Amino acid sequence: MLDELQFRDRADEAMMRLKKALEAASDRYEFEVDSSQGALAIEFEDPPAKFVVSPNSPVRQIWVSARVKSFKLDWDPERAEFVLPGDKRSLRELIGGVVGEQWGEEVVLIG
């Protein structure tokens, strides 16, 4: 398991990469990306929705709340990224998937 400093470094890097990928896609898919206190909010106007991505230091996970579901991603040292334990989707793949479900078409986040 990662210690707190390792987790914070990896989570900060993952969140920064995700934010850049979302900002690049936001104009095409018409959503807003805001960051506050280490968390990201992805907001849609039509249909209205808000997704939240946030690091959770005590349990060393990144938590995602999207489409009335919650997801808890763990650090995978072999892949060097946060992944969903069940299906091994990366943070970027998971967010691309839920944004795509919200938007009604496949969304691939690059970055």
N, C-alpha and C. Protein backbone atom coordinates (compact mmCIF):
# COMPACT_ATOMS: atom_id res chain seq x y z
N MET A 1 0.83 -1.18 0.00
CA MET A 1 0.00 0.00 0.00
C MET A 1 0.88 1.25 0.00
N LEU A 2 0.42 2.27 -0.66
CA LEU A 2 1.14 3.53 -0.72
C LEU A 2 1.10 4.23 0.63
N ASP A 3 2.19 4.92 0.97
CA ASP A 3 2.10 5.77 2.16
C ASP A 3 1.39 7.06 1.73
N GLU A 4 1.10 7.93 2.68
CA GLU A 4 0.30 9.11 2.38
C GLU A 4 0.97 10.04 1.36
N LEU A 5 2.26 10.25 1.49
CA LEU A 5 2.97 11.13 0.56
C LEU A 5 2.97 10.54 -0.85
N GLN A 6 3.24 9.25 -0.97
CA GLN A 6 3.20 8.59 -2.28
C GLN A 6 1.81 8.71 -2.90
N PHE A 7 0.78 8.46 -2.06
CA PHE A 7 -0.58 8.55 -2.57
C PHE A 7 -0.87 9.96 -3.08
N ARG A 8 -0.53 10.97 -2.28
CA ARG A 8 -0.81 12.35 -2.69
C ARG A 8 -0.11 12.70 -4.00
N ASP A 9 1.15 12.30 -4.14
CA ASP A 9 1.89 12.58 -5.38
C ASP A 9 1.21 11.93 -6.58
N ARG A 10 0.87 10.66 -6.45
CA ARG A 10 0.26 9.93 -7.56
C ARG A 10 -1.16 10.44 -7.85
N ALA A 11 -1.91 10.72 -6.80
CA ALA A 11 -3.26 11.25 -6.99
C ALA A 11 -3.23 12.62 -7.64
N ASP A 12 -2.33 13.50 -7.19
CA ASP A 12 -2.22 14.83 -7.79
C ASP A 12 -1.89 14.74 -9.27
N GLU A 13 -0.96 13.86 -9.61
CA GLU A 13 -0.58 13.68 -11.02
C GLU A 13 -1.75 13.13 -11.83
N ALA A 14 -2.46 12.14 -11.29
CA ALA A 14 -3.61 11.56 -12.00
C ALA A 14 -4.71 12.59 -12.20
N MET A 15 -4.96 13.40 -11.18
CA MET A 15 -6.00 14.41 -11.27
C MET A 15 -5.62 15.50 -12.28
N MET A 16 -4.36 15.89 -12.31
CA MET A 16 -3.90 16.89 -13.26
C MET A 16 -4.04 16.38 -14.69
N ARG A 17 -3.62 15.13 -14.93
CA ARG A 17 -3.75 14.56 -16.28
C ARG A 17 -5.22 14.45 -16.69
N LEU A 18 -6.06 14.03 -15.74
CA LEU A 18 -7.49 13.92 -16.04
C LEU A 18 -8.08 15.29 -16.36
N LYS A 19 -7.73 16.29 -15.60
CA LYS A 19 -8.26 17.64 -15.84
C LYS A 19 -7.87 18.13 -17.24
N LYS A 20 -6.62 17.93 -17.62
CA LYS A 20 -6.18 18.35 -18.96
C LYS A 20 -6.96 17.62 -20.05
N ALA A 21 -7.18 16.31 -19.88
CA ALA A 21 -7.93 15.54 -20.87
C ALA A 21 -9.38 16.00 -20.94
N LEU A 22 -9.97 16.29 -19.78
CA LEU A 22 -11.36 16.77 -19.76
C LEU A 22 -11.48 18.16 -20.39
N GLU A 23 -10.53 19.03 -20.09
CA GLU A 23 -10.57 20.38 -20.68
C GLU A 23 -10.47 20.31 -22.19
N ALA A 24 -9.67 19.39 -22.70
CA ALA A 24 -9.53 19.24 -24.15
C ALA A 24 -10.84 18.75 -24.78
N ALA A 25 -11.62 17.96 -24.04
CA ALA A 25 -12.86 17.40 -24.57
C ALA A 25 -14.09 18.26 -24.25
N SER A 26 -13.95 19.21 -23.36
CA SER A 26 -15.13 19.93 -22.84
C SER A 26 -15.87 20.74 -23.90
N ASP A 27 -15.19 21.35 -24.83
CA ASP A 27 -15.89 22.13 -25.86
C ASP A 27 -16.72 21.24 -26.77
N ARG A 28 -16.14 20.13 -27.16
CA ARG A 28 -16.86 19.23 -28.08
C ARG A 28 -18.09 18.63 -27.42
N TYR A 29 -17.97 18.25 -26.14
CA TYR A 29 -19.07 17.56 -25.47
C TYR A 29 -19.87 18.47 -24.53
N GLU A 30 -19.58 19.75 -24.55
CA GLU A 30 -20.36 20.75 -23.83
C GLU A 30 -20.55 20.44 -22.36
N PHE A 31 -19.45 20.43 -21.64
CA PHE A 31 -19.50 20.34 -20.18
C PHE A 31 -18.42 21.25 -19.61
N GLU A 32 -18.55 21.57 -18.36
CA GLU A 32 -17.59 22.42 -17.66
C GLU A 32 -16.78 21.58 -16.70
N VAL A 33 -15.51 21.94 -16.53
CA VAL A 33 -14.63 21.27 -15.58
C VAL A 33 -14.12 22.30 -14.59
N ASP A 34 -14.34 22.04 -13.32
CA ASP A 34 -13.85 22.93 -12.26
C ASP A 34 -13.04 22.10 -11.28
N SER A 35 -12.01 22.72 -10.72
CA SER A 35 -11.25 22.04 -9.67
C SER A 35 -11.29 22.90 -8.42
N SER A 36 -11.42 22.23 -7.29
CA SER A 36 -11.46 22.92 -6.02
C SER A 36 -10.98 21.98 -4.93
N GLN A 37 -10.00 22.42 -4.18
CA GLN A 37 -9.46 21.66 -3.05
C GLN A 37 -9.09 20.23 -3.44
N GLY A 38 -8.50 20.05 -4.61
CA GLY A 38 -8.02 18.75 -5.04
C GLY A 38 -9.04 17.88 -5.74
N ALA A 39 -10.30 18.31 -5.79
CA ALA A 39 -11.36 17.54 -6.45
C ALA A 39 -11.70 18.18 -7.80
N LEU A 40 -12.23 17.37 -8.69
CA LEU A 40 -12.72 17.86 -9.98
C LEU A 40 -14.23 17.70 -10.04
N ALA A 41 -14.90 18.70 -10.58
CA ALA A 41 -16.34 18.62 -10.83
C ALA A 41 -16.55 18.75 -12.33
N ILE A 42 -17.34 17.85 -12.88
CA ILE A 42 -17.69 17.86 -14.30
C ILE A 42 -19.18 18.13 -14.36
N GLU A 43 -19.56 19.27 -14.96
CA GLU A 43 -20.97 19.67 -14.94
C GLU A 43 -21.54 19.79 -16.35
N PHE A 44 -22.72 19.20 -16.52
CA PHE A 44 -23.44 19.21 -17.79
C PHE A 44 -24.72 20.04 -17.63
N GLU A 45 -25.08 20.77 -18.68
CA GLU A 45 -26.32 21.54 -18.65
C GLU A 45 -27.50 20.75 -19.18
N ASP A 46 -27.29 20.00 -20.26
CA ASP A 46 -28.41 19.33 -20.90
C ASP A 46 -28.03 17.95 -21.40
N PRO A 47 -28.50 16.90 -20.77
CA PRO A 47 -29.28 16.90 -19.53
C PRO A 47 -28.39 17.26 -18.34
N PRO A 48 -28.98 17.88 -17.33
CA PRO A 48 -28.19 18.34 -16.19
C PRO A 48 -27.60 17.19 -15.38
N ALA A 49 -26.35 17.35 -15.02
CA ALA A 49 -25.67 16.35 -14.19
C ALA A 49 -24.38 16.94 -13.66
N LYS A 50 -23.91 16.39 -12.58
CA LYS A 50 -22.63 16.79 -12.01
C LYS A 50 -21.91 15.54 -11.53
N PHE A 51 -20.69 15.35 -12.03
CA PHE A 51 -19.84 14.24 -11.60
C PHE A 51 -18.72 14.82 -10.75
N VAL A 52 -18.31 14.08 -9.74
CA VAL A 52 -17.23 14.54 -8.86
C VAL A 52 -16.15 13.47 -8.78
N VAL A 53 -14.90 13.89 -8.91
CA VAL A 53 -13.74 13.01 -8.82
C VAL A 53 -12.86 13.57 -7.71
N SER A 54 -12.57 12.75 -6.69
CA SER A 54 -11.79 13.27 -5.57
C SER A 54 -10.90 12.20 -4.95
N PRO A 55 -9.70 12.59 -4.58
CA PRO A 55 -8.81 11.68 -3.87
C PRO A 55 -9.31 11.49 -2.43
N ASN A 56 -9.16 10.29 -1.92
CA ASN A 56 -9.53 10.00 -0.54
C ASN A 56 -8.30 9.44 0.16
N SER A 57 -7.54 10.31 0.81
CA SER A 57 -6.26 9.94 1.41
C SER A 57 -6.34 8.82 2.45
N PRO A 58 -7.30 8.85 3.38
CA PRO A 58 -7.30 7.80 4.41
C PRO A 58 -7.34 6.37 3.86
N VAL A 59 -8.04 6.17 2.74
CA VAL A 59 -8.14 4.83 2.17
C VAL A 59 -7.29 4.65 0.92
N ARG A 60 -6.53 5.71 0.53
CA ARG A 60 -5.61 5.68 -0.62
C ARG A 60 -6.32 5.30 -1.91
N GLN A 61 -7.48 5.93 -2.15
CA GLN A 61 -8.26 5.68 -3.35
C GLN A 61 -8.67 7.00 -3.98
N ILE A 62 -9.03 6.94 -5.26
CA ILE A 62 -9.71 8.05 -5.91
C ILE A 62 -11.16 7.63 -6.05
N TRP A 63 -12.05 8.49 -5.58
CA TRP A 63 -13.48 8.21 -5.61
C TRP A 63 -14.14 9.04 -6.70
N VAL A 64 -15.08 8.40 -7.39
CA VAL A 64 -15.83 9.05 -8.45
C VAL A 64 -17.31 8.87 -8.17
N SER A 65 -18.03 9.96 -8.23
CA SER A 65 -19.49 9.93 -8.12
C SER A 65 -20.03 10.41 -9.45
N ALA A 66 -20.73 9.50 -10.16
CA ALA A 66 -21.23 9.84 -11.50
C ALA A 66 -22.41 8.95 -11.86
N ARG A 67 -23.43 9.57 -12.40
CA ARG A 67 -24.60 8.84 -12.89
C ARG A 67 -25.21 7.94 -11.82
N VAL A 68 -25.46 8.50 -10.66
CA VAL A 68 -26.03 7.84 -9.48
C VAL A 68 -25.26 6.59 -9.05
N LYS A 69 -23.98 6.55 -9.34
CA LYS A 69 -23.12 5.46 -8.93
C LYS A 69 -21.87 6.04 -8.29
N SER A 70 -21.21 5.22 -7.51
CA SER A 70 -19.91 5.63 -7.00
C SER A 70 -18.89 4.56 -7.36
N PHE A 71 -17.69 5.00 -7.63
CA PHE A 71 -16.60 4.13 -8.03
C PHE A 71 -15.40 4.44 -7.15
N LYS A 72 -14.67 3.42 -6.76
CA LYS A 72 -13.49 3.60 -5.91
C LYS A 72 -12.31 2.93 -6.61
N LEU A 73 -11.36 3.75 -7.02
CA LEU A 73 -10.22 3.27 -7.78
C LEU A 73 -8.99 3.15 -6.89
N ASP A 74 -8.27 2.05 -7.08
CA ASP A 74 -7.05 1.77 -6.33
C ASP A 74 -5.83 1.98 -7.20
N TRP A 75 -4.69 2.23 -6.57
CA TRP A 75 -3.43 2.35 -7.28
C TRP A 75 -2.98 0.96 -7.74
N ASP A 76 -2.67 0.83 -9.01
CA ASP A 76 -2.14 -0.42 -9.56
C ASP A 76 -0.66 -0.18 -9.88
N PRO A 77 0.25 -0.75 -9.06
CA PRO A 77 1.67 -0.49 -9.28
C PRO A 77 2.20 -1.04 -10.61
N GLU A 78 1.62 -2.12 -11.10
CA GLU A 78 2.07 -2.68 -12.38
C GLU A 78 1.75 -1.75 -13.54
N ARG A 79 0.58 -1.13 -13.50
CA ARG A 79 0.17 -0.22 -14.57
C ARG A 79 0.56 1.23 -14.27
N ALA A 80 0.94 1.50 -13.04
CA ALA A 80 1.31 2.85 -12.59
C ALA A 80 0.18 3.84 -12.82
N GLU A 81 -1.05 3.42 -12.45
CA GLU A 81 -2.20 4.30 -12.54
C GLU A 81 -3.31 3.79 -11.62
N PHE A 82 -4.30 4.66 -11.37
CA PHE A 82 -5.45 4.26 -10.58
C PHE A 82 -6.42 3.50 -11.47
N VAL A 83 -6.91 2.35 -10.97
CA VAL A 83 -7.82 1.51 -11.75
C VAL A 83 -8.99 1.05 -10.89
N LEU A 84 -10.08 0.73 -11.56
CA LEU A 84 -11.25 0.17 -10.92
C LEU A 84 -10.98 -1.31 -10.66
N PRO A 85 -11.09 -1.77 -9.41
CA PRO A 85 -10.73 -3.16 -9.09
C PRO A 85 -11.43 -4.21 -9.94
N GLY A 86 -12.72 -4.07 -10.20
CA GLY A 86 -13.46 -5.11 -10.91
C GLY A 86 -13.04 -5.34 -12.34
N ASP A 87 -13.08 -4.29 -13.14
CA ASP A 87 -12.81 -4.46 -14.56
C ASP A 87 -11.49 -3.84 -15.03
N LYS A 88 -10.75 -3.28 -14.09
CA LYS A 88 -9.42 -2.72 -14.37
C LYS A 88 -9.41 -1.51 -15.30
N ARG A 89 -10.56 -0.82 -15.42
CA ARG A 89 -10.57 0.41 -16.22
C ARG A 89 -9.74 1.46 -15.48
N SER A 90 -8.98 2.21 -16.24
CA SER A 90 -8.20 3.30 -15.65
C SER A 90 -9.15 4.46 -15.31
N LEU A 91 -8.65 5.40 -14.54
CA LEU A 91 -9.44 6.58 -14.20
C LEU A 91 -9.91 7.29 -15.45
N ARG A 92 -9.03 7.49 -16.41
CA ARG A 92 -9.39 8.18 -17.65
C ARG A 92 -10.43 7.38 -18.44
N GLU A 93 -10.28 6.05 -18.50
CA GLU A 93 -11.26 5.22 -19.21
C GLU A 93 -12.63 5.27 -18.53
N LEU A 94 -12.63 5.20 -17.21
CA LEU A 94 -13.88 5.27 -16.46
C LEU A 94 -14.59 6.60 -16.70
N ILE A 95 -13.87 7.70 -16.57
CA ILE A 95 -14.48 9.01 -16.76
C ILE A 95 -14.94 9.18 -18.21
N GLY A 96 -14.14 8.75 -19.17
CA GLY A 96 -14.58 8.79 -20.57
C GLY A 96 -15.87 8.01 -20.76
N GLY A 97 -15.98 6.87 -20.10
CA GLY A 97 -17.18 6.05 -20.21
C GLY A 97 -18.42 6.71 -19.63
N VAL A 98 -18.31 7.28 -18.42
CA VAL A 98 -19.49 7.91 -17.82
C VAL A 98 -19.86 9.21 -18.53
N VAL A 99 -18.86 9.95 -19.02
CA VAL A 99 -19.16 11.15 -19.81
C VAL A 99 -19.87 10.72 -21.11
N GLY A 100 -19.41 9.64 -21.71
CA GLY A 100 -20.05 9.13 -22.92
C GLY A 100 -21.48 8.69 -22.67
N GLU A 101 -21.74 8.03 -21.53
CA GLU A 101 -23.11 7.64 -21.19
C GLU A 101 -23.98 8.88 -21.02
N GLN A 102 -23.46 9.90 -20.37
CA GLN A 102 -24.21 11.14 -20.17
C GLN A 102 -24.49 11.82 -21.51
N TRP A 103 -23.50 11.82 -22.39
CA TRP A 103 -23.61 12.55 -23.65
C TRP A 103 -24.32 11.73 -24.73
N GLY A 104 -24.33 10.41 -24.58
CA GLY A 104 -25.01 9.57 -25.55
C GLY A 104 -24.16 9.12 -26.71
N GLU A 105 -22.84 9.22 -26.58
CA GLU A 105 -21.93 8.70 -27.60
C GLU A 105 -20.60 8.38 -26.95
N GLU A 106 -19.81 7.56 -27.61
CA GLU A 106 -18.52 7.17 -27.07
C GLU A 106 -17.60 8.37 -26.94
N VAL A 107 -16.95 8.48 -25.78
CA VAL A 107 -16.02 9.56 -25.53
C VAL A 107 -14.68 8.94 -25.11
N VAL A 108 -13.64 9.27 -25.82
CA VAL A 108 -12.29 8.81 -25.49
C VAL A 108 -11.51 10.04 -25.05
N LEU A 109 -11.05 10.00 -23.81
CA LEU A 109 -10.25 11.12 -23.30
C LEU A 109 -8.79 10.85 -23.61
N ILE A 110 -8.14 11.83 -24.20
CA ILE A 110 -6.75 11.70 -24.59
C ILE A 110 -5.91 12.57 -23.67
N GLY A 111 -4.81 12.01 -23.23
CA GLY A 111 -3.93 12.80 -22.39
C GLY A 111 -3.25 12.00 -21.34
